[in-house]
Amino acid sequence: MNQKILITALVVVVGLSTLAILEVSNGFISGLVFDQIPYNYTAKVWIPPTHPDDPSSGSLGGFYKINGKGKDFQFYLKLSGAEESESPLDYTAEGLNGTGRIEEIKVTPGTIYSLLTKDVRGAMFNTIFHGYMNMTCAAWTGVTYFKNDGKNFGGNFTIDGTMTDWEGNYTLKWETFRIAATADYLWYPNNQKSSAKRVQRTYYL
């Protein structure tokens, strides 16, 4: 399974889901008020090359959609043309679909300040929340649990592929002009964890 497609898609889904929900809710994200808010959001997405110094490492572009009500949402990610270069076991023209739930969301002073200054990414990193998302794409399924406690933003995931299984964790940090996602995970042939290989890598979004 292509590591770039898998890990960057996972991070994009988690990051943009919470980002979009914060943006469409316009700061009214506590208790019963948030639970009643319906939303439908579409935007473009660009995934930069995993290795910018490698001429053969291309970028990916496309769009994502998120819709739902309150804490429950559906997510769709489409990477244009990726199906032409990827294995049908990894990615197809149907894209990546996710169904998730934000189980808790809590406004902090940093959330309010960020929203007042129209810094939605800052609001995402300053808001306390946790939740999960089930995902399907091509021939694999997976689940990720994510959490931001106000100091650390990250999560863990498991992927069940046709030929390969994955499990690991990731952390997201906001840098000056980008999000750095550091992943630490194992991948191995189905049900052969004794043959696992460990990968540690940082992706930039």
Protein backbone atom coordinates (compact mmCIF):
# COMPACT_ATOMS: atom_id res chain seq x y z
CA MET A 1 0.00 0.00 0.00
CA ASN A 2 1.35 3.44 -0.93
CA GLN A 3 2.57 5.15 2.26
CA LYS A 4 2.06 8.66 0.87
CA ILE A 5 -1.58 8.05 -0.01
CA LEU A 6 -2.35 6.31 3.27
CA ILE A 7 -0.74 8.57 5.86
CA THR A 8 -1.34 11.93 4.20
CA ALA A 9 -4.98 11.04 3.52
CA LEU A 10 -5.41 10.00 7.15
CA VAL A 11 -3.95 13.26 8.46
CA VAL A 12 -5.90 15.36 5.95
CA VAL A 13 -9.16 13.69 7.01
CA VAL A 14 -8.59 14.34 10.72
CA GLY A 15 -7.21 17.84 10.35
CA LEU A 16 -9.66 19.15 7.78
CA SER A 17 -12.69 17.58 9.43
CA THR A 18 -12.15 19.49 12.65
CA LEU A 19 -11.05 22.59 10.74
CA ALA A 20 -14.18 22.64 8.59
CA ILE A 21 -16.51 22.03 11.53
CA LEU A 22 -14.97 24.93 13.43
CA GLU A 23 -15.22 27.20 10.39
CA VAL A 24 -18.87 26.51 9.59
CA SER A 25 -19.93 26.62 13.25
CA ASN A 26 -18.42 30.13 13.54
CA GLY A 27 -17.47 29.65 17.15
CA PHE A 28 -20.83 28.42 18.50
CA ILE A 29 -19.39 25.07 19.45
CA SER A 30 -20.57 24.28 22.95
CA GLY A 31 -23.29 22.00 24.24
CA LEU A 32 -26.76 21.96 22.73
CA VAL A 33 -26.07 24.88 20.39
CA PHE A 34 -23.37 22.97 18.53
CA ASP A 35 -25.46 19.78 18.49
CA GLN A 36 -28.15 21.57 16.45
CA ILE A 37 -25.86 23.07 13.80
CA PRO A 38 -26.12 21.46 10.32
CA TYR A 39 -23.20 22.00 7.95
CA ASN A 40 -22.17 21.24 4.39
CA TYR A 41 -18.68 22.32 3.38
CA THR A 42 -16.56 21.79 0.25
CA ALA A 43 -13.02 23.01 -0.40
CA LYS A 44 -9.92 22.25 -2.43
CA VAL A 45 -7.01 20.33 -0.95
CA TRP A 46 -3.37 20.06 -1.99
CA ILE A 47 -0.95 17.47 -0.64
CA PRO A 48 2.67 18.52 -1.28
CA PRO A 49 5.35 16.02 -2.33
CA THR A 50 6.47 13.71 0.47
CA HIS A 51 10.09 14.32 -0.56
CA PRO A 52 10.33 17.78 -2.24
CA ASP A 53 13.97 17.13 -3.21
CA ASP A 54 13.01 14.04 -5.22
CA PRO A 55 11.94 14.97 -8.81
CA SER A 56 9.82 11.81 -9.03
CA SER A 57 7.85 12.69 -5.88
CA GLY A 58 4.77 14.48 -7.20
CA SER A 59 2.08 16.41 -5.37
CA LEU A 60 -1.61 15.50 -5.21
CA GLY A 61 -4.60 17.80 -5.59
CA GLY A 62 -8.33 17.44 -5.29
CA PHE A 63 -11.18 18.40 -2.99
CA TYR A 64 -12.95 17.31 0.17
CA LYS A 65 -16.54 17.52 1.38
CA ILE A 66 -17.85 17.37 4.90
CA ASN A 67 -21.47 17.38 5.96
CA GLY A 68 -23.32 16.53 9.11
CA LYS A 69 -25.10 17.92 12.13
CA GLY A 70 -23.40 18.74 15.39
CA LYS A 71 -20.96 16.08 16.47
CA ASP A 72 -21.77 13.53 13.72
CA PHE A 73 -20.30 14.01 10.27
CA GLN A 74 -19.47 12.35 6.95
CA PHE A 75 -16.28 13.04 5.04
CA TYR A 76 -15.30 12.52 1.40
CA LEU A 77 -11.83 13.06 -0.07
CA LYS A 78 -11.12 12.94 -3.81
CA LEU A 79 -7.55 13.15 -5.14
CA SER A 80 -7.78 13.92 -8.85
CA GLY A 81 -5.88 11.47 -11.04
CA ALA A 82 -4.42 9.47 -8.15
CA GLU A 83 -6.26 6.35 -9.36
CA GLU A 84 -4.14 6.40 -12.53
CA SER A 85 -0.85 6.00 -10.67
CA GLU A 86 -1.92 3.99 -7.62
CA SER A 87 -2.81 0.33 -7.20
CA PRO A 88 -6.59 -0.32 -7.14
CA LEU A 89 -5.96 -1.89 -3.72
CA ASP A 90 -4.79 1.51 -2.41
CA TYR A 91 -6.92 4.14 -4.12
CA THR A 92 -9.68 4.23 -6.75
CA ALA A 93 -11.79 6.92 -8.42
CA GLU A 94 -14.42 6.45 -5.67
CA GLY A 95 -12.09 8.29 -3.28
CA LEU A 96 -11.91 8.02 0.50
CA ASN A 97 -15.08 8.02 2.61
CA GLY A 98 -15.27 8.57 6.34
CA THR A 99 -17.98 8.58 9.00
CA GLY A 100 -17.02 10.19 12.28
CA ARG A 101 -18.12 11.66 15.56
CA ILE A 102 -16.63 14.37 17.76
CA GLU A 103 -17.58 13.08 21.19
CA GLU A 104 -16.53 16.18 23.13
CA ILE A 105 -15.67 19.73 22.11
CA LYS A 106 -14.74 22.55 24.50
CA VAL A 107 -14.04 26.20 23.77
CA THR A 108 -10.96 27.81 25.34
CA PRO A 109 -9.90 31.47 25.45
CA GLY A 110 -7.47 30.60 22.65
CA THR A 111 -10.38 29.35 20.54
CA ILE A 112 -12.28 32.61 20.95
CA TYR A 113 -9.23 34.76 20.22
CA SER A 114 -8.37 32.75 17.11
CA LEU A 115 -11.91 32.97 15.74
CA LEU A 116 -12.09 36.73 16.42
CA THR A 117 -8.85 37.17 14.45
CA LYS A 118 -10.14 34.80 11.72
CA ASP A 119 -7.39 32.27 12.45
CA VAL A 120 -9.37 29.05 11.97
CA ARG A 121 -6.30 26.81 12.10
CA GLY A 122 -5.34 28.44 15.39
CA ALA A 123 -8.85 27.74 16.64
CA MET A 124 -8.46 24.07 15.73
CA PHE A 125 -5.25 23.74 17.75
CA ASN A 126 -6.62 25.72 20.72
CA THR A 127 -9.93 23.85 21.01
CA ILE A 128 -10.17 20.78 23.25
CA PHE A 129 -11.91 17.83 21.60
CA HIS A 130 -11.75 14.10 20.96
CA GLY A 131 -13.50 11.70 18.62
CA TYR A 132 -13.14 8.96 16.06
CA MET A 133 -13.66 8.20 12.38
CA ASN A 134 -14.24 5.01 10.39
CA MET A 135 -12.76 5.07 6.89
CA THR A 136 -13.04 3.10 3.66
CA CYS A 137 -10.96 3.52 0.51
CA ALA A 138 -10.37 1.09 -2.35
CA ALA A 139 -9.73 -2.35 -0.78
CA TRP A 140 -8.96 -1.20 2.77
CA THR A 141 -10.89 -0.12 5.84
CA GLY A 142 -9.66 1.61 8.95
CA VAL A 143 -10.44 3.58 12.07
CA THR A 144 -8.69 6.49 13.75
CA TYR A 145 -9.17 7.95 17.22
CA PHE A 146 -8.04 11.56 17.61
CA LYS A 147 -7.68 13.93 20.55
CA ASN A 148 -6.57 17.47 21.31
CA ASP A 149 -6.16 18.13 25.04
CA GLY A 150 -5.01 21.71 24.52
CA LYS A 151 -1.34 20.76 24.66
CA ASN A 152 -1.04 17.75 22.36
CA PHE A 153 -2.99 17.04 19.16
CA GLY A 154 -2.74 13.55 17.73
CA GLY A 155 -4.25 10.11 17.54
CA ASN A 156 -3.82 6.47 16.66
CA PHE A 157 -5.07 4.33 13.81
CA THR A 158 -5.43 0.81 12.46
CA ILE A 159 -5.80 -0.13 8.80
CA ASP A 160 -6.95 -3.51 7.48
CA GLY A 161 -5.83 -3.93 3.88
CA THR A 162 -6.17 -6.80 1.45
CA MET A 163 -2.50 -7.73 1.71
CA THR A 164 -1.11 -5.44 4.42
CA ASP A 165 -2.14 -4.30 7.90
CA TRP A 166 -1.10 -1.03 9.54
CA GLU A 167 -1.17 0.40 13.05
CA GLY A 168 0.42 3.40 14.66
CA ASN A 169 0.03 6.93 15.91
CA TYR A 170 0.51 10.49 14.70
CA THR A 171 0.89 13.99 16.12
CA LEU A 172 0.03 17.31 14.49
CA LYS A 173 1.88 20.56 15.22
CA TRP A 174 1.16 24.00 13.82
CA GLU A 175 4.26 25.66 12.41
CA THR A 176 4.46 29.19 11.01
CA PHE A 177 2.83 28.49 7.65
CA ARG A 178 2.05 24.78 7.69
CA ILE A 179 0.97 21.76 9.71
CA ALA A 180 3.65 19.17 10.51
CA ALA A 181 2.29 15.64 10.93
CA THR A 182 4.69 13.12 12.47
CA ALA A 183 3.70 9.48 12.06
CA ASP A 184 5.15 6.44 13.84
CA TYR A 185 3.63 3.19 12.61
CA LEU A 186 4.08 -0.50 11.79
CA TRP A 187 3.09 -2.23 8.57
CA TYR A 188 3.12 -5.96 7.94
CA PRO A 189 1.54 -8.73 5.80
CA ASN A 190 -1.96 -9.73 6.94
CA ASN A 191 -1.86 -11.32 10.40
CA GLN A 192 1.95 -11.55 10.38
CA LYS A 193 2.88 -8.93 12.95
CA SER A 194 6.16 -10.71 13.69
CA SER A 195 7.30 -9.49 10.24
CA ALA A 196 6.38 -5.87 10.94
CA LYS A 197 8.50 -2.97 9.73
CA ARG A 198 8.54 0.32 11.63
CA VAL A 199 8.33 3.68 9.87
CA GLN A 200 8.84 7.13 11.39
CA ARG A 201 8.20 10.04 9.08
CA THR A 202 7.09 13.68 9.09
CA TYR A 203 4.66 15.00 6.48
CA TYR A 204 3.90 18.67 5.86
CA LEU A 205 0.45 19.97 4.96
